[in-house]
Amino acid sequence: MVEIQGRVEQIVYKNDENGYTVAKIKYNKELISVVGYMPF
């Protein structure tokens, strides 16, 4: 598993029932799409 840290720039999709999220984060001056279960 890869772990990165960055700042969430945009929430593309979020399922409120289970926390599954598609988001874009800023990492090393690039926007990267991330997916998974994010409890926030």
PDB file of N, CA and C in Angstrom:
ATOM      1  N   MET A   1       0.845  -1.169   0.000  1.00  0.00           N
ATOM      2  CA  MET A   1       0.000   0.000   0.000  1.00  0.00           C
ATOM      3  C   MET A   1       0.894   1.237   0.000  1.00  0.00           C
ATOM      4  N   VAL A   2       0.518   2.203  -0.805  1.00  0.00           N
ATOM      5  CA  VAL A   2       1.252   3.460  -0.888  1.00  0.00           C
ATOM      6  C   VAL A   2       0.558   4.492  -0.011  1.00  0.00           C
ATOM      7  N   GLU A   3       1.346   5.206   0.765  1.00  0.00           N
ATOM      8  CA  GLU A   3       0.793   6.267   1.604  1.00  0.00           C
ATOM      9  C   GLU A   3       1.429   7.587   1.203  1.00  0.00           C
ATOM     10  N   ILE A   4       0.575   8.576   0.909  1.00  0.00           N
ATOM     11  CA  ILE A   4       1.059   9.910   0.584  1.00  0.00           C
ATOM     12  C   ILE A   4       0.310  10.923   1.436  1.00  0.00           C
ATOM     13  N   GLN A   5       0.890  12.084   1.575  1.00  0.00           N
ATOM     14  CA  GLN A   5       0.237  13.166   2.306  1.00  0.00           C
ATOM     15  C   GLN A   5       0.122  14.361   1.378  1.00  0.00           C
ATOM     16  N   GLY A   6      -1.012  15.001   1.436  1.00  0.00           N
ATOM     17  CA  GLY A   6      -1.246  16.182   0.614  1.00  0.00           C
ATOM     18  C   GLY A   6      -2.485  16.898   1.112  1.00  0.00           C
ATOM     19  N   ARG A   7      -2.873  17.924   0.391  1.00  0.00           N
ATOM     20  CA  ARG A   7      -4.048  18.715   0.768  1.00  0.00           C
ATOM     21  C   ARG A   7      -5.175  18.421  -0.207  1.00  0.00           C
ATOM     22  N   VAL A   8      -6.356  18.131   0.317  1.00  0.00           N
ATOM     23  CA  VAL A   8      -7.513  17.873  -0.531  1.00  0.00           C
ATOM     24  C   VAL A   8      -7.916  19.179  -1.209  1.00  0.00           C
ATOM     25  N   GLU A   9      -7.930  19.153  -2.535  1.00  0.00           N
ATOM     26  CA  GLU A   9      -8.321  20.320  -3.317  1.00  0.00           C
ATOM     27  C   GLU A   9      -9.778  20.245  -3.750  1.00  0.00           C
ATOM     28  N   GLN A  10     -10.261  19.011  -4.003  1.00  0.00           N
ATOM     29  CA  GLN A  10     -11.627  18.865  -4.511  1.00  0.00           C
ATOM     30  C   GLN A  10     -12.161  17.482  -4.155  1.00  0.00           C
ATOM     31  N   ILE A  11     -13.408  17.440  -3.709  1.00  0.00           N
ATOM     32  CA  ILE A  11     -14.123  16.181  -3.542  1.00  0.00           C
ATOM     33  C   ILE A  11     -14.936  15.974  -4.815  1.00  0.00           C
ATOM     34  N   VAL A  12     -14.611  14.924  -5.561  1.00  0.00           N
ATOM     35  CA  VAL A  12     -15.297  14.641  -6.809  1.00  0.00           C
ATOM     36  C   VAL A  12     -16.586  13.868  -6.527  1.00  0.00           C
ATOM     37  N   TYR A  13     -16.506  12.903  -5.606  1.00  0.00           N
ATOM     38  CA  TYR A  13     -17.662  12.066  -5.261  1.00  0.00           C
ATOM     39  C   TYR A  13     -17.482  11.573  -3.834  1.00  0.00           C
ATOM     40  N   LYS A  14     -18.581  11.517  -3.077  1.00  0.00           N
ATOM     41  CA  LYS A  14     -18.538  10.961  -1.723  1.00  0.00           C
ATOM     42  C   LYS A  14     -19.835  10.223  -1.444  1.00  0.00           C
ATOM     43  N   ASN A  15     -19.716   8.979  -1.002  1.00  0.00           N
ATOM     44  CA  ASN A  15     -20.864   8.191  -0.591  1.00  0.00           C
ATOM     45  C   ASN A  15     -20.999   8.365   0.925  1.00  0.00           C
ATOM     46  N   ASP A  16     -22.052   9.033   1.366  1.00  0.00           N
ATOM     47  CA  ASP A  16     -22.233   9.313   2.793  1.00  0.00           C
ATOM     48  C   ASP A  16     -22.518   8.057   3.608  1.00  0.00           C
ATOM     49  N   GLU A  17     -22.997   6.996   2.968  1.00  0.00           N
ATOM     50  CA  GLU A  17     -23.322   5.774   3.706  1.00  0.00           C
ATOM     51  C   GLU A  17     -22.088   5.003   4.136  1.00  0.00           C
ATOM     52  N   ASN A  18     -21.062   4.943   3.273  1.00  0.00           N
ATOM     53  CA  ASN A  18     -19.897   4.138   3.628  1.00  0.00           C
ATOM     54  C   ASN A  18     -18.568   4.892   3.590  1.00  0.00           C
ATOM     55  N   GLY A  19     -18.564   6.152   3.202  1.00  0.00           N
ATOM     56  CA  GLY A  19     -17.354   6.955   3.217  1.00  0.00           C
ATOM     57  C   GLY A  19     -16.469   6.810   1.988  1.00  0.00           C
ATOM     58  N   TYR A  20     -16.902   6.023   0.989  1.00  0.00           N
ATOM     59  CA  TYR A  20     -16.110   5.885  -0.226  1.00  0.00           C
ATOM     60  C   TYR A  20     -16.027   7.243  -0.909  1.00  0.00           C
ATOM     61  N   THR A  21     -14.814   7.648  -1.266  1.00  0.00           N
ATOM     62  CA  THR A  21     -14.595   8.992  -1.779  1.00  0.00           C
ATOM     63  C   THR A  21     -13.657   8.981  -2.976  1.00  0.00           C
ATOM     64  N   VAL A  22     -13.944   9.837  -3.931  1.00  0.00           N
ATOM     65  CA  VAL A  22     -13.024  10.146  -5.017  1.00  0.00           C
ATOM     66  C   VAL A  22     -12.652  11.607  -4.820  1.00  0.00           C
ATOM     67  N   ALA A  23     -11.363  11.877  -4.682  1.00  0.00           N
ATOM     68  CA  ALA A  23     -10.917  13.243  -4.404  1.00  0.00           C
ATOM     69  C   ALA A  23      -9.665  13.560  -5.214  1.00  0.00           C
ATOM     70  N   LYS A  24      -9.381  14.842  -5.321  1.00  0.00           N
ATOM     71  CA  LYS A  24      -8.135  15.294  -5.929  1.00  0.00           C
ATOM     72  C   LYS A  24      -7.326  15.980  -4.843  1.00  0.00           C
ATOM     73  N   ILE A  25      -6.062  15.566  -4.720  1.00  0.00           N
ATOM     74  CA  ILE A  25      -5.203  16.181  -3.717  1.00  0.00           C
ATOM     75  C   ILE A  25      -4.004  16.829  -4.397  1.00  0.00           C
ATOM     76  N   LYS A  26      -3.467  17.831  -3.730  1.00  0.00           N
ATOM     77  CA  LYS A  26      -2.258  18.483  -4.216  1.00  0.00           C
ATOM     78  C   LYS A  26      -1.073  17.820  -3.530  1.00  0.00           C
ATOM     79  N   TYR A  27      -0.202  17.244  -4.352  1.00  0.00           N
ATOM     80  CA  TYR A  27       0.966  16.516  -3.861  1.00  0.00           C
ATOM     81  C   TYR A  27       2.150  16.891  -4.739  1.00  0.00           C
ATOM     82  N   ASN A  28       3.169  17.477  -4.147  1.00  0.00           N
ATOM     83  CA  ASN A  28       4.351  17.927  -4.905  1.00  0.00           C
ATOM     84  C   ASN A  28       3.972  18.784  -6.109  1.00  0.00           C
ATOM     85  N   LYS A  29       3.104  19.749  -5.885  1.00  0.00           N
ATOM     86  CA  LYS A  29       2.663  20.713  -6.905  1.00  0.00           C
ATOM     87  C   LYS A  29       1.871  20.090  -8.050  1.00  0.00           C
ATOM     88  N   GLU A  30       1.386  18.859  -7.873  1.00  0.00           N
ATOM     89  CA  GLU A  30       0.549  18.199  -8.873  1.00  0.00           C
ATOM     90  C   GLU A  30      -0.784  17.835  -8.249  1.00  0.00           C
ATOM     91  N   LEU A  31      -1.845  17.774  -9.062  1.00  0.00           N
ATOM     92  CA  LEU A  31      -3.130  17.266  -8.602  1.00  0.00           C
ATOM     93  C   LEU A  31      -3.191  15.783  -8.917  1.00  0.00           C
ATOM     94  N   ILE A  32      -3.470  14.981  -7.902  1.00  0.00           N
ATOM     95  CA  ILE A  32      -3.536  13.533  -8.043  1.00  0.00           C
ATOM     96  C   ILE A  32      -4.921  13.074  -7.605  1.00  0.00           C
ATOM     97  N   SER A  33      -5.518  12.182  -8.385  1.00  0.00           N
ATOM     98  CA  SER A  33      -6.805  11.600  -8.012  1.00  0.00           C
ATOM     99  C   SER A  33      -6.562  10.453  -7.050  1.00  0.00           C
ATOM    100  N   VAL A  34      -7.340  10.421  -5.973  1.00  0.00           N
ATOM    101  CA  VAL A  34      -7.255   9.349  -4.984  1.00  0.00           C
ATOM    102  C   VAL A  34      -8.648   8.783  -4.757  1.00  0.00           C
ATOM    103  N   VAL A  35      -8.716   7.486  -4.479  1.00  0.00           N
ATOM    104  CA  VAL A  35      -9.998   6.844  -4.218  1.00  0.00           C
ATOM    105  C   VAL A  35      -9.845   5.952  -3.006  1.00  0.00           C
ATOM    106  N   GLY A  36     -10.935   5.779  -2.288  1.00  0.00           N
ATOM    107  CA  GLY A  36     -10.934   4.864  -1.144  1.00  0.00           C
ATOM    108  C   GLY A  36     -11.927   5.296  -0.095  1.00  0.00           C
ATOM    109  N   TYR A  37     -11.880   4.607   1.025  1.00  0.00           N
ATOM    110  CA  TYR A  37     -12.765   4.887   2.148  1.00  0.00           C
ATOM    111  C   TYR A  37     -12.076   5.889   3.057  1.00  0.00           C
ATOM    112  N   MET A  38     -12.622   7.094   3.094  1.00  0.00           N
ATOM    113  CA  MET A  38     -12.005   8.194   3.838  1.00  0.00           C
ATOM    114  C   MET A  38     -12.978   8.733   4.870  1.00  0.00           C
ATOM    115  N   PRO A  39     -12.778   8.390   6.104  1.00  0.00           N
ATOM    116  CA  PRO A  39     -13.693   8.838   7.163  1.00  0.00           C
ATOM    117  C   PRO A  39     -13.394  10.262   7.620  1.00  0.00           C
ATOM    118  N   PHE A  40     -13.941  11.254   6.912  1.00  0.00           N
ATOM    119  CA  PHE A  40     -13.778  12.635   7.362  1.00  0.00           C
ATOM    120  C   PHE A  40     -15.051  13.408   7.204  1.00  0.00           C
TER     121      PHE A  40
END
